[in-house]
PDB file of N, CA and C in Angstrom:
ATOM      1  N   UNK A   1     342.256  78.650 190.309  1.00  0.00           N
ATOM      2  CA  UNK A   1     341.776  78.596 191.734  1.00  0.00           C
ATOM      3  C   UNK A   1     342.529  78.121 192.653  1.00  0.00           C
ATOM      4  N   UNK A   2     342.069  78.384 193.895  1.00  0.00           N
ATOM      5  CA  UNK A   2     342.860  78.568 195.130  1.00  0.00           C
ATOM      6  C   UNK A   2     342.843  76.950 195.933  1.00  0.00           C
ATOM      7  N   UNK A   3     343.405  76.827 197.089  1.00  0.00           N
ATOM      8  CA  UNK A   3     343.370  75.529 197.253  1.00  0.00           C
ATOM      9  C   UNK A   3     342.169  75.623 198.403  1.00  0.00           C
ATOM     10  N   UNK A   4     341.195  76.553 198.747  1.00  0.00           N
ATOM     11  CA  UNK A   4     340.262  77.155 199.392  1.00  0.00           C
ATOM     12  C   UNK A   4     339.124  76.757 198.623  1.00  0.00           C
ATOM     13  N   UNK A   5     339.153  77.326 197.253  1.00  0.00           N
ATOM     14  CA  UNK A   5     338.139  76.730 195.935  1.00  0.00           C
ATOM     15  C   UNK A   5     337.899  75.478 195.827  1.00  0.00           C
ATOM     16  N   UNK A   6     339.097  74.617 195.865  1.00  0.00           N
ATOM     17  CA  UNK A   6     339.146  73.187 195.395  1.00  0.00           C
ATOM     18  C   UNK A   6     338.607  72.300 196.299  1.00  0.00           C
ATOM     19  N   UNK A   7     338.557  72.711 197.457  1.00  0.00           N
ATOM     20  CA  UNK A   7     337.831  72.059 198.590  1.00  0.00           C
ATOM     21  C   UNK A   7     336.611  71.835 198.095  1.00  0.00           C
ATOM     22  N   UNK A   8     335.918  72.675 197.315  1.00  0.00           N
ATOM     23  CA  UNK A   8     334.219  72.252 197.237  1.00  0.00           C
ATOM     24  C   UNK A   8     334.203  71.645 196.108  1.00  0.00           C
ATOM     25  N   UNK A   9     335.181  70.795 195.907  1.00  0.00           N
ATOM     26  CA  UNK A   9     334.942  70.014 194.208  1.00  0.00           C
ATOM     27  C   UNK A   9     335.342  68.727 194.682  1.00  0.00           C
ATOM     28  N   UNK A  10     335.777  68.745 195.781  1.00  0.00           N
ATOM     29  CA  UNK A  10     336.533  67.068 196.508  1.00  0.00           C
ATOM     30  C   UNK A  10     337.621  66.561 195.533  1.00  0.00           C
ATOM     31  N   UNK A  11     337.642  65.638 195.845  1.00  0.00           N
ATOM     32  CA  UNK A  11     339.016  64.597 195.200  1.00  0.00           C
ATOM     33  C   UNK A  11     339.423  65.462 193.198  1.00  0.00           C
ATOM     34  N   UNK A  12     340.435  65.612 193.063  1.00  0.00           N
ATOM     35  CA  UNK A  12     340.736  66.389 192.030  1.00  0.00           C
ATOM     36  C   UNK A  12     341.968  65.481 191.236  1.00  0.00           C
ATOM     37  N   UNK A  13     342.075  65.161 190.265  1.00  0.00           N
ATOM     38  CA  UNK A  13     342.529  64.326 189.082  1.00  0.00           C
ATOM     39  C   UNK A  13     343.011  64.900 188.035  1.00  0.00           C
ATOM     40  N   UNK A  14     344.436  64.460 187.718  1.00  0.00           N
ATOM     41  CA  UNK A  14     345.148  64.619 186.497  1.00  0.00           C
ATOM     42  C   UNK A  14     344.387  63.870 185.462  1.00  0.00           C
ATOM     43  N   UNK A  15     344.969  64.449 183.919  1.00  0.00           N
ATOM     44  CA  UNK A  15     344.335  63.292 183.315  1.00  0.00           C
ATOM     45  C   UNK A  15     344.855  61.997 182.845  1.00  0.00           C
ATOM     46  N   UNK A  16     345.831  61.673 183.180  1.00  0.00           N
ATOM     47  CA  UNK A  16     346.855  60.408 183.104  1.00  0.00           C
ATOM     48  C   UNK A  16     345.905  59.729 184.185  1.00  0.00           C
ATOM     49  N   UNK A  17     345.987  60.096 185.647  1.00  0.00           N
ATOM     50  CA  UNK A  17     345.070  59.257 186.465  1.00  0.00           C
ATOM     51  C   UNK A  17     343.674  59.023 186.452  1.00  0.00           C
ATOM     52  N   UNK A  18     343.202  59.749 185.481  1.00  0.00           N
ATOM     53  CA  UNK A  18     341.614  59.532 185.299  1.00  0.00           C
ATOM     54  C   UNK A  18     341.500  58.635 184.615  1.00  0.00           C
ATOM     55  N   UNK A  19     342.548  58.880 183.026  1.00  0.00           N
ATOM     56  CA  UNK A  19     342.585  57.834 181.912  1.00  0.00           C
ATOM     57  C   UNK A  19     342.797  56.759 182.444  1.00  0.00           C
ATOM     58  N   UNK A  20     343.605  56.004 184.114  1.00  0.00           N
ATOM     59  CA  UNK A  20     343.797  54.862 184.372  1.00  0.00           C
ATOM     60  C   UNK A  20     342.648  54.465 185.197  1.00  0.00           C
ATOM     61  N   UNK A  21     342.081  54.981 185.870  1.00  0.00           N
ATOM     62  CA  UNK A  21     340.849  54.655 186.808  1.00  0.00           C
ATOM     63  C   UNK A  21     339.318  54.812 185.742  1.00  0.00           C
ATOM     64  N   UNK A  22     339.844  55.209 184.780  1.00  0.00           N
ATOM     65  CA  UNK A  22     338.464  54.809 183.876  1.00  0.00           C
ATOM     66  C   UNK A  22     338.871  53.872 182.469  1.00  0.00           C
ATOM     67  N   UNK A  23     339.976  53.429 182.847  1.00  0.00           N
ATOM     68  CA  UNK A  23     340.140  52.614 181.936  1.00  0.00           C
ATOM     69  C   UNK A  23     340.416  52.858 180.045  1.00  0.00           C
ATOM     70  N   UNK A  24     340.725  53.927 179.915  1.00  0.00           N
ATOM     71  CA  UNK A  24     340.662  54.739 178.652  1.00  0.00           C
ATOM     72  C   UNK A  24     342.054  55.059 178.351  1.00  0.00           C
ATOM     73  N   UNK A  25     342.376  55.304 177.315  1.00  0.00           N
ATOM     74  CA  UNK A  25     343.731  56.110 176.992  1.00  0.00           C
ATOM     75  C   UNK A  25     343.843  57.712 177.182  1.00  0.00           C
ATOM     76  N   UNK A  26     344.602  58.341 177.987  1.00  0.00           N
ATOM     77  CA  UNK A  26     344.854  59.715 178.243  1.00  0.00           C
ATOM     78  C   UNK A  26     344.341  60.675 176.802  1.00  0.00           C
ATOM     79  N   UNK A  27     344.516  60.330 175.377  1.00  0.00           N
ATOM     80  CA  UNK A  27     344.349  61.273 174.668  1.00  0.00           C
ATOM     81  C   UNK A  27     342.624  61.223 174.675  1.00  0.00           C
ATOM     82  N   UNK A  28     341.954  60.108 175.083  1.00  0.00           N
ATOM     83  CA  UNK A  28     340.013  60.338 175.452  1.00  0.00           C
ATOM     84  C   UNK A  28     339.832  61.055 176.474  1.00  0.00           C
ATOM     85  N   UNK A  29     340.673  61.336 177.427  1.00  0.00           N
ATOM     86  CA  UNK A  29     340.100  62.491 178.341  1.00  0.00           C
ATOM     87  C   UNK A  29     340.598  63.245 178.116  1.00  0.00           C
ATOM     88  N   UNK A  30     341.132  63.939 177.037  1.00  0.00           N
ATOM     89  CA  UNK A  30     341.987  64.872 176.575  1.00  0.00           C
ATOM     90  C   UNK A  30     340.578  65.953 175.892  1.00  0.00           C
ATOM     91  N   UNK A  31     340.214  64.670 175.105  1.00  0.00           N
ATOM     92  CA  UNK A  31     339.292  65.120 174.293  1.00  0.00           C
ATOM     93  C   UNK A  31     338.204  65.387 174.892  1.00  0.00           C
ATOM     94  N   UNK A  32     337.906  64.633 175.825  1.00  0.00           N
ATOM     95  CA  UNK A  32     336.867  64.836 176.931  1.00  0.00           C
ATOM     96  C   UNK A  32     336.556  66.383 177.579  1.00  0.00           C
ATOM     97  N   UNK A  33     337.863  66.440 177.434  1.00  0.00           N
ATOM     98  CA  UNK A  33     338.150  67.957 178.217  1.00  0.00           C
ATOM     99  C   UNK A  33     338.021  69.097 177.512  1.00  0.00           C
ATOM    100  N   UNK A  34     338.428  68.754 176.079  1.00  0.00           N
ATOM    101  CA  UNK A  34     338.092  69.867 175.149  1.00  0.00           C
ATOM    102  C   UNK A  34     336.740  70.058 174.698  1.00  0.00           C
ATOM    103  N   UNK A  35     335.667  68.691 174.386  1.00  0.00           N
ATOM    104  CA  UNK A  35     334.320  68.782 174.162  1.00  0.00           C
ATOM    105  C   UNK A  35     333.571  69.453 175.425  1.00  0.00           C
ATOM    106  N   UNK A  36     334.067  69.611 176.469  1.00  0.00           N
ATOM    107  CA  UNK A  36     333.646  70.334 177.614  1.00  0.00           C
ATOM    108  C   UNK A  36     332.095  69.157 178.393  1.00  0.00           C
ATOM    109  N   UNK A  37     332.754  67.679 178.026  1.00  0.00           N
ATOM    110  CA  UNK A  37     332.103  66.443 178.974  1.00  0.00           C
ATOM    111  C   UNK A  37     333.036  66.700 180.241  1.00  0.00           C
ATOM    112  N   UNK A  38     334.005  66.930 180.300  1.00  0.00           N
ATOM    113  CA  UNK A  38     334.749  67.056 181.261  1.00  0.00           C
ATOM    114  C   UNK A  38     335.381  68.370 181.599  1.00  0.00           C
ATOM    115  N   UNK A  39     335.215  68.996 182.909  1.00  0.00           N
ATOM    116  CA  UNK A  39     336.032  70.372 183.069  1.00  0.00           C
ATOM    117  C   UNK A  39     337.084  70.149 183.439  1.00  0.00           C
ATOM    118  N   UNK A  40     338.565  70.875 183.133  1.00  0.00           N
ATOM    119  CA  UNK A  40     339.567  71.007 184.260  1.00  0.00           C
ATOM    120  C   UNK A  40     339.660  72.559 184.039  1.00  0.00           C
ATOM    121  N   UNK A  41     340.597  72.232 186.018  1.00  0.00           N
ATOM    122  CA  UNK A  41     340.613  73.811 186.408  1.00  0.00           C
ATOM    123  C   UNK A  41     342.104  73.726 186.792  1.00  0.00           C
ATOM    124  N   UNK A  42     342.562  75.104 186.866  1.00  0.00           N
ATOM    125  CA  UNK A  42     343.848  75.406 187.199  1.00  0.00           C
ATOM    126  C   UNK A  42     343.988  75.219 188.562  1.00  0.00           C
ATOM    127  N   UNK A  43     345.017  74.257 189.329  1.00  0.00           N
ATOM    128  CA  UNK A  43     345.302  74.328 190.637  1.00  0.00           C
ATOM    129  C   UNK A  43     346.341  74.797 190.947  1.00  0.00           C
ATOM    130  N   UNK A  44     347.037  74.693 191.974  1.00  0.00           N
ATOM    131  CA  UNK A  44     348.081  75.404 192.509  1.00  0.00           C
ATOM    132  C   UNK A  44     349.208  73.797 192.084  1.00  0.00           C
ATOM    133  N   UNK A  45     348.704  72.637 191.733  1.00  0.00           N
ATOM    134  CA  UNK A  45     348.987  71.264 191.383  1.00  0.00           C
ATOM    135  C   UNK A  45     349.185  70.982 189.947  1.00  0.00           C
ATOM    136  N   UNK A  46     348.479  72.393 189.290  1.00  0.00           N
ATOM    137  CA  UNK A  46     348.117  72.266 187.593  1.00  0.00           C
ATOM    138  C   UNK A  46     346.922  71.733 187.537  1.00  0.00           C
ATOM    139  N   UNK A  47     346.568  71.405 186.065  1.00  0.00           N
ATOM    140  CA  UNK A  47     345.369  71.295 185.879  1.00  0.00           C
ATOM    141  C   UNK A  47     344.699  70.192 185.955  1.00  0.00           C
ATOM    142  N   UNK A  48     343.664  69.923 187.023  1.00  0.00           N
ATOM    143  CA  UNK A  48     343.209  68.727 187.147  1.00  0.00           C
ATOM    144  C   UNK A  48     341.518  68.729 186.381  1.00  0.00           C
ATOM    145  N   UNK A  49     340.837  67.434 186.556  1.00  0.00           N
ATOM    146  CA  UNK A  49     339.550  67.644 186.589  1.00  0.00           C
ATOM    147  C   UNK A  49     338.747  67.458 187.672  1.00  0.00           C
ATOM    148  N   UNK A  50     337.856  68.064 188.005  1.00  0.00           N
ATOM    149  CA  UNK A  50     337.544  67.472 189.753  1.00  0.00           C
ATOM    150  C   UNK A  50     336.411  66.442 189.496  1.00  0.00           C
ATOM    151  N   UNK A  51     336.488  65.621 190.808  1.00  0.00           N
ATOM    152  CA  UNK A  51     335.403  64.763 191.302  1.00  0.00           C
ATOM    153  C   UNK A  51     334.204  64.674 190.360  1.00  0.00           C
ATOM    154  N   UNK A  52     333.798  66.175 190.504  1.00  0.00           N
ATOM    155  CA  UNK A  52     331.918  66.297 190.408  1.00  0.00           C
ATOM    156  C   UNK A  52     331.774  65.831 189.084  1.00  0.00           C
ATOM    157  N   UNK A  53     332.756  66.126 187.821  1.00  0.00           N
ATOM    158  CA  UNK A  53     332.538  66.177 186.858  1.00  0.00           C
ATOM    159  C   UNK A  53     331.767  64.637 186.235  1.00  0.00           C
ATOM    160  N   UNK A  54     332.588  63.855 187.172  1.00  0.00           N
ATOM    161  CA  UNK A  54     331.829  62.146 187.384  1.00  0.00           C
ATOM    162  C   UNK A  54     330.894  61.683 188.201  1.00  0.00           C
ATOM    163  N   UNK A  55     330.586  60.526 187.823  1.00  0.00           N
ATOM    164  CA  UNK A  55     329.247  59.792 188.848  1.00  0.00           C
ATOM    165  C   UNK A  55     329.835  58.531 188.423  1.00  0.00           C
ATOM    166  N   UNK A  56     329.451  57.647 189.125  1.00  0.00           N
ATOM    167  CA  UNK A  56     329.372  56.020 189.415  1.00  0.00           C
ATOM    168  C   UNK A  56     328.352  55.641 189.325  1.00  0.00           C
ATOM    169  N   UNK A  57     328.676  54.251 188.296  1.00  0.00           N
ATOM    170  CA  UNK A  57     327.774  53.782 186.885  1.00  0.00           C
ATOM    171  C   UNK A  57     327.912  52.340 187.229  1.00  0.00           C
ATOM    172  N   UNK A  58     327.538  51.383 187.599  1.00  0.00           N
ATOM    173  CA  UNK A  58     327.922  49.977 187.412  1.00  0.00           C
ATOM    174  C   UNK A  58     328.680  49.680 188.387  1.00  0.00           C
ATOM    175  N   UNK A  59     329.865  50.311 189.285  1.00  0.00           N
ATOM    176  CA  UNK A  59     330.710  50.440 190.181  1.00  0.00           C
ATOM    177  C   UNK A  59     332.019  51.009 189.304  1.00  0.00           C
ATOM    178  N   UNK A  60     331.488  51.668 187.955  1.00  0.00           N
ATOM    179  CA  UNK A  60     332.625  52.585 187.608  1.00  0.00           C
ATOM    180  C   UNK A  60     332.392  54.083 187.422  1.00  0.00           C
ATOM    181  N   UNK A  61     333.720  55.143 187.640  1.00  0.00           N
ATOM    182  CA  UNK A  61     333.305  55.923 186.861  1.00  0.00           C
ATOM    183  C   UNK A  61     333.004  56.553 185.861  1.00  0.00           C
ATOM    184  N   UNK A  62     331.964  57.359 185.463  1.00  0.00           N
ATOM    185  CA  UNK A  62     331.584  57.632 184.208  1.00  0.00           C
ATOM    186  C   UNK A  62     331.484  59.066 184.116  1.00  0.00           C
ATOM    187  N   UNK A  63     331.622  59.560 182.900  1.00  0.00           N
ATOM    188  CA  UNK A  63     331.185  61.217 183.043  1.00  0.00           C
ATOM    189  C   UNK A  63     329.789  61.201 182.860  1.00  0.00           C
ATOM    190  N   UNK A  64     329.184  62.492 183.741  1.00  0.00           N
ATOM    191  CA  UNK A  64     328.254  63.054 184.614  1.00  0.00           C
ATOM    192  C   UNK A  64     328.110  63.204 182.995  1.00  0.00           C
ATOM    193  N   UNK A  65     326.569  62.672 182.302  1.00  0.00           N
ATOM    194  CA  UNK A  65     325.852  63.157 180.983  1.00  0.00           C
ATOM    195  C   UNK A  65     325.449  64.457 180.833  1.00  0.00           C
ATOM    196  N   UNK A  66     324.822  65.295 181.990  1.00  0.00           N
ATOM    197  CA  UNK A  66     324.632  66.828 182.213  1.00  0.00           C
ATOM    198  C   UNK A  66     325.372  67.860 182.056  1.00  0.00           C
ATOM    199  N   UNK A  67     326.721  67.272 182.434  1.00  0.00           N
ATOM    200  CA  UNK A  67     327.733  68.489 182.534  1.00  0.00           C
ATOM    201  C   UNK A  67     327.596  69.064 181.655  1.00  0.00           C
ATOM    202  N   UNK A  68     328.221  68.506 180.337  1.00  0.00           N
ATOM    203  CA  UNK A  68     328.138  69.036 179.330  1.00  0.00           C
ATOM    204  C   UNK A  68     327.600  70.214 178.744  1.00  0.00           C
ATOM    205  N   UNK A  69     326.229  69.700 178.902  1.00  0.00           N
ATOM    206  CA  UNK A  69     325.023  71.159 178.328  1.00  0.00           C
ATOM    207  C   UNK A  69     325.029  72.331 179.260  1.00  0.00           C
ATOM    208  N   UNK A  70     325.459  72.110 180.717  1.00  0.00           N
ATOM    209  CA  UNK A  70     325.375  72.826 181.826  1.00  0.00           C
ATOM    210  C   UNK A  70     326.829  73.879 181.770  1.00  0.00           C
ATOM    211  N   UNK A  71     328.143  73.109 181.757  1.00  0.00           N
ATOM    212  CA  UNK A  71     328.940  74.088 181.426  1.00  0.00           C
ATOM    213  C   UNK A  71     328.906  74.737 180.014  1.00  0.00           C
ATOM    214  N   UNK A  72     328.673  74.323 179.175  1.00  0.00           N
ATOM    215  CA  UNK A  72     328.329  75.171 178.036  1.00  0.00           C
ATOM    216  C   UNK A  72     327.299  76.251 178.238  1.00  0.00           C
ATOM    217  N   UNK A  73     326.530  76.334 179.139  1.00  0.00           N
ATOM    218  CA  UNK A  73     325.197  77.212 179.266  1.00  0.00           C
ATOM    219  C   UNK A  73     325.804  78.074 179.789  1.00  0.00           C
ATOM    220  N   UNK A  74     326.620  77.682 181.077  1.00  0.00           N
ATOM    221  CA  UNK A  74     327.498  78.766 181.572  1.00  0.00           C
ATOM    222  C   UNK A  74     328.880  79.657 181.069  1.00  0.00           C
ATOM    223  N   UNK A  75     329.206  79.121 180.396  1.00  0.00           N
ATOM    224  CA  UNK A  75     330.155  79.651 179.680  1.00  0.00           C
ATOM    225  C   UNK A  75     329.722  80.462 178.799  1.00  0.00           C
ATOM    226  N   UNK A  76     328.306  80.303 178.313  1.00  0.00           N
ATOM    227  CA  UNK A  76     327.390  81.245 176.923  1.00  0.00           C
ATOM    228  C   UNK A  76     327.788  82.550 177.991  1.00  0.00           C
ATOM    229  N   UNK A  77     326.983  82.443 179.199  1.00  0.00           N
ATOM    230  CA  UNK A  77     327.138  83.531 180.293  1.00  0.00           C
ATOM    231  C   UNK A  77     328.060  84.055 180.861  1.00  0.00           C
ATOM    232  N   UNK A  78     329.433  84.020 179.715  1.00  0.00           N
ATOM    233  CA  UNK A  78     330.773  84.450 179.908  1.00  0.00           C
ATOM    234  C   UNK A  78     330.954  84.128 181.738  1.00  0.00           C
ATOM    235  N   UNK A  79     330.905  82.999 181.366  1.00  0.00           N
ATOM    236  CA  UNK A  79     331.584  82.193 183.102  1.00  0.00           C
ATOM    237  C   UNK A  79     333.247  81.824 182.321  1.00  0.00           C
ATOM    238  N   UNK A  80     334.021  81.556 182.947  1.00  0.00           N
ATOM    239  CA  UNK A  80     335.392  80.888 183.059  1.00  0.00           C
ATOM    240  C   UNK A  80     334.856  79.153 183.449  1.00  0.00           C
ATOM    241  N   UNK A  81     335.557  78.819 183.564  1.00  0.00           N
ATOM    242  CA  UNK A  81     335.384  77.083 183.772  1.00  0.00           C
ATOM    243  C   UNK A  81     335.813  77.218 185.275  1.00  0.00           C
ATOM    244  N   UNK A  82     336.701  78.015 185.620  1.00  0.00           N
ATOM    245  CA  UNK A  82     336.829  77.792 187.080  1.00  0.00           C
ATOM    246  C   UNK A  82     335.556  78.314 187.607  1.00  0.00           C
ATOM    247  N   UNK A  83     334.949  79.676 187.241  1.00  0.00           N
ATOM    248  CA  UNK A  83     333.734  80.178 187.746  1.00  0.00           C
ATOM    249  C   UNK A  83     332.500  79.422 187.370  1.00  0.00           C
ATOM    250  N   UNK A  84     332.573  78.564 186.845  1.00  0.00           N
ATOM    251  CA  UNK A  84     331.492  77.675 186.411  1.00  0.00           C
ATOM    252  C   UNK A  84     331.645  76.188 187.428  1.00  0.00           C
ATOM    253  N   UNK A  85     332.700  75.961 187.299  1.00  0.00           N
ATOM    254  CA  UNK A  85     332.840  74.648 188.706  1.00  0.00           C
ATOM    255  C   UNK A  85     332.372  75.188 189.859  1.00  0.00           C
ATOM    256  N   UNK A  86     332.608  76.407 190.311  1.00  0.00           N
ATOM    257  CA  UNK A  86     332.717  76.555 191.755  1.00  0.00           C
ATOM    258  C   UNK A  86     330.785  76.792 191.451  1.00  0.00           C
ATOM    259  N   UNK A  87     330.053  77.501 190.691  1.00  0.00           N
ATOM    260  CA  UNK A  87     328.655  77.833 190.529  1.00  0.00           C
ATOM    261  C   UNK A  87     327.945  76.168 191.111  1.00  0.00           C
ATOM    262  N   UNK A  88     328.713  75.560 190.146  1.00  0.00           N
ATOM    263  CA  UNK A  88     327.982  73.785 190.282  1.00  0.00           C
ATOM    264  C   UNK A  88     327.635  73.354 191.613  1.00  0.00           C
ATOM    265  N   UNK A  89     329.125  73.750 192.425  1.00  0.00           N
ATOM    266  CA  UNK A  89     329.347  73.101 193.984  1.00  0.00           C
ATOM    267  C   UNK A  89     328.743  74.172 194.729  1.00  0.00           C
ATOM    268  N   UNK A  90     328.296  75.154 194.259  1.00  0.00           N
ATOM    269  CA  UNK A  90     328.056  75.883 195.384  1.00  0.00           C
ATOM    270  C   UNK A  90     326.484  76.234 195.834  1.00  0.00           C
ATOM    271  N   UNK A  91     326.366  76.251 196.889  1.00  0.00           N
ATOM    272  CA  UNK A  91     324.153  76.977 197.081  1.00  0.00           C
ATOM    273  C   UNK A  91     323.635  77.401 195.956  1.00  0.00           C
ATOM    274  N   UNK A  92     322.795  77.423 195.695  1.00  0.00           N
ATOM    275  CA  UNK A  92     321.479  78.128 195.188  1.00  0.00           C
ATOM    276  C   UNK A  92     320.702  78.320 195.487  1.00  0.00           C
ATOM    277  N   UNK A  93     320.305  79.308 195.886  1.00  0.00           N
ATOM    278  CA  UNK A  93     319.029  79.444 196.953  1.00  0.00           C
ATOM    279  C   UNK A  93     317.905  79.139 196.024  1.00  0.00           C
ATOM    280  N   UNK A  94     317.758  79.868 194.801  1.00  0.00           N
ATOM    281  CA  UNK A  94     316.793  78.876 193.825  1.00  0.00           C
ATOM    282  C   UNK A  94     316.332  77.362 193.613  1.00  0.00           C
ATOM    283  N   UNK A  95     317.877  76.830 194.031  1.00  0.00           N
ATOM    284  CA  UNK A  95     317.568  75.298 193.601  1.00  0.00           C
ATOM    285  C   UNK A  95     317.333  74.708 195.281  1.00  0.00           C
ATOM    286  N   UNK A  96     317.577  75.696 196.383  1.00  0.00           N
ATOM    287  CA  UNK A  96     317.434  74.841 197.560  1.00  0.00           C
ATOM    288  C   UNK A  96     318.504  74.078 197.867  1.00  0.00           C
ATOM    289  N   UNK A  97     319.758  73.927 196.733  1.00  0.00           N
ATOM    290  CA  UNK A  97     320.656  72.805 196.858  1.00  0.00           C
ATOM    291  C   UNK A  97     321.963  73.507 195.866  1.00  0.00           C
ATOM    292  N   UNK A  98     322.930  72.593 195.857  1.00  0.00           N
ATOM    293  CA  UNK A  98     323.839  73.187 194.991  1.00  0.00           C
ATOM    294  C   UNK A  98     323.363  72.575 193.512  1.00  0.00           C
ATOM    295  N   UNK A  99     323.832  73.367 191.968  1.00  0.00           N
ATOM    296  CA  UNK A  99     323.195  72.956 190.807  1.00  0.00           C
ATOM    297  C   UNK A  99     323.586  71.646 190.641  1.00  0.00           C
ATOM    298  N   UNK A 100     324.861  71.268 191.192  1.00  0.00           N
ATOM    299  CA  UNK A 100     325.481  69.480 190.752  1.00  0.00           C
ATOM    300  C   UNK A 100     324.187  68.704 191.602  1.00  0.00           C
ATOM    301  N   UNK A 101     323.879  68.951 193.221  1.00  0.00           N
ATOM    302  CA  UNK A 101     323.296  68.092 193.731  1.00  0.00           C
ATOM    303  C   UNK A 101     322.120  67.828 192.962  1.00  0.00           C
ATOM    304  N   UNK A 102     321.520  69.357 192.473  1.00  0.00           N
ATOM    305  CA  UNK A 102     320.298  68.919 191.919  1.00  0.00           C
ATOM    306  C   UNK A 102     320.116  68.407 190.358  1.00  0.00           C
ATOM    307  N   UNK A 103     321.395  68.688 189.794  1.00  0.00           N
ATOM    308  CA  UNK A 103     321.072  67.502 188.319  1.00  0.00           C
ATOM    309  C   UNK A 103     321.846  66.261 188.996  1.00  0.00           C
ATOM    310  N   UNK A 104     322.349  66.113 189.703  1.00  0.00           N
ATOM    311  CA  UNK A 104     322.457  64.703 190.362  1.00  0.00           C
ATOM    312  C   UNK A 104     321.067  63.519 190.669  1.00  0.00           C
ATOM    313  N   UNK A 105     319.844  64.539 191.210  1.00  0.00           N
ATOM    314  CA  UNK A 105     318.582  64.068 191.595  1.00  0.00           C
ATOM    315  C   UNK A 105     317.459  64.162 190.294  1.00  0.00           C
ATOM    316  N   UNK A 106     317.806  64.492 188.906  1.00  0.00           N
ATOM    317  CA  UNK A 106     317.531  64.704 188.268  1.00  0.00           C
ATOM    318  C   UNK A 106     316.630  66.237 187.682  1.00  0.00           C
ATOM    319  N   UNK A 107     317.158  66.822 188.448  1.00  0.00           N
ATOM    320  CA  UNK A 107     316.617  68.142 187.951  1.00  0.00           C
ATOM    321  C   UNK A 107     317.631  69.540 186.860  1.00  0.00           C
ATOM    322  N   UNK A 108     317.978  68.440 185.651  1.00  0.00           N
ATOM    323  CA  UNK A 108     318.833  69.117 184.967  1.00  0.00           C
ATOM    324  C   UNK A 108     317.837  70.651 184.544  1.00  0.00           C
ATOM    325  N   UNK A 109     317.046  70.446 184.017  1.00  0.00           N
ATOM    326  CA  UNK A 109     316.110  71.375 183.502  1.00  0.00           C
ATOM    327  C   UNK A 109     315.919  73.070 184.553  1.00  0.00           C
ATOM    328  N   UNK A 110     315.866  72.396 185.572  1.00  0.00           N
ATOM    329  CA  UNK A 110     316.081  73.469 187.106  1.00  0.00           C
ATOM    330  C   UNK A 110     317.128  74.300 187.144  1.00  0.00           C
ATOM    331  N   UNK A 111     318.452  73.361 186.793  1.00  0.00           N
ATOM    332  CA  UNK A 111     319.678  73.584 187.028  1.00  0.00           C
ATOM    333  C   UNK A 111     319.373  75.100 185.800  1.00  0.00           C
ATOM    334  N   UNK A 112     319.566  74.414 184.399  1.00  0.00           N
ATOM    335  CA  UNK A 112     319.637  75.272 183.177  1.00  0.00           C
ATOM    336  C   UNK A 112     318.429  76.721 183.683  1.00  0.00           C
ATOM    337  N   UNK A 113     317.282  76.666 184.113  1.00  0.00           N
ATOM    338  CA  UNK A 113     316.363  77.857 184.079  1.00  0.00           C
ATOM    339  C   UNK A 113     317.257  78.620 185.052  1.00  0.00           C
ATOM    340  N   UNK A 114     317.581  78.059 186.380  1.00  0.00           N
ATOM    341  CA  UNK A 114     318.803  78.562 187.335  1.00  0.00           C
ATOM    342  C   UNK A 114     319.830  79.715 186.997  1.00  0.00           C
ATOM    343  N   UNK A 115     320.306  78.654 185.234  1.00  0.00           N
ATOM    344  CA  UNK A 115     321.211  79.628 184.917  1.00  0.00           C
ATOM    345  C   UNK A 115     320.894  80.870 184.025  1.00  0.00           C
ATOM    346  N   UNK A 116     319.846  80.725 183.534  1.00  0.00           N
ATOM    347  CA  UNK A 116     318.687  82.219 182.616  1.00  0.00           C
ATOM    348  C   UNK A 116     318.771  83.091 183.631  1.00  0.00           C
ATOM    349  N   UNK A 117     318.299  83.022 185.015  1.00  0.00           N
ATOM    350  CA  UNK A 117     317.685  83.616 185.828  1.00  0.00           C
ATOM    351  C   UNK A 117     318.963  84.093 186.614  1.00  0.00           C
ATOM    352  N   UNK A 118     320.302  83.134 186.847  1.00  0.00           N
ATOM    353  CA  UNK A 118     321.219  84.126 187.414  1.00  0.00           C
ATOM    354  C   UNK A 118     321.966  85.543 186.698  1.00  0.00           C
ATOM    355  N   UNK A 119     321.696  85.023 185.152  1.00  0.00           N
ATOM    356  CA  UNK A 119     321.660  86.271 184.065  1.00  0.00           C
ATOM    357  C   UNK A 119     321.602  87.418 184.098  1.00  0.00           C
ATOM    358  N   UNK A 120     320.078  87.308 184.470  1.00  0.00           N
ATOM    359  CA  UNK A 120     319.040  88.192 184.413  1.00  0.00           C
ATOM    360  C   UNK A 120     319.089  89.463 185.367  1.00  0.00           C
TER     361      UNK A 120
END
């Protein structure tokens, strides 16, 4: 992703930064990335985890629970992780907002339907 694309994702964290913030070992963050519970995108500064993969609960940053299934559905449509990340933060006409905003508003199923209709 270029600097322009990463501007759409908000803050970007290295694995080490995120591990420190979440108070977990760095290998836990690596495992979350491998399982697609978190996404990691290539930037000019190296691989980074976009802020949108997280949500604040109880004053702490936590993994967005709806992200994994959504990312896997996008990967099934042959998108790369970078393309999936961009799709999540871009406005979607069918949803009337970004898929990420729709997921945060509790409309995960609508987002998954939008993925299917995007593929058609």
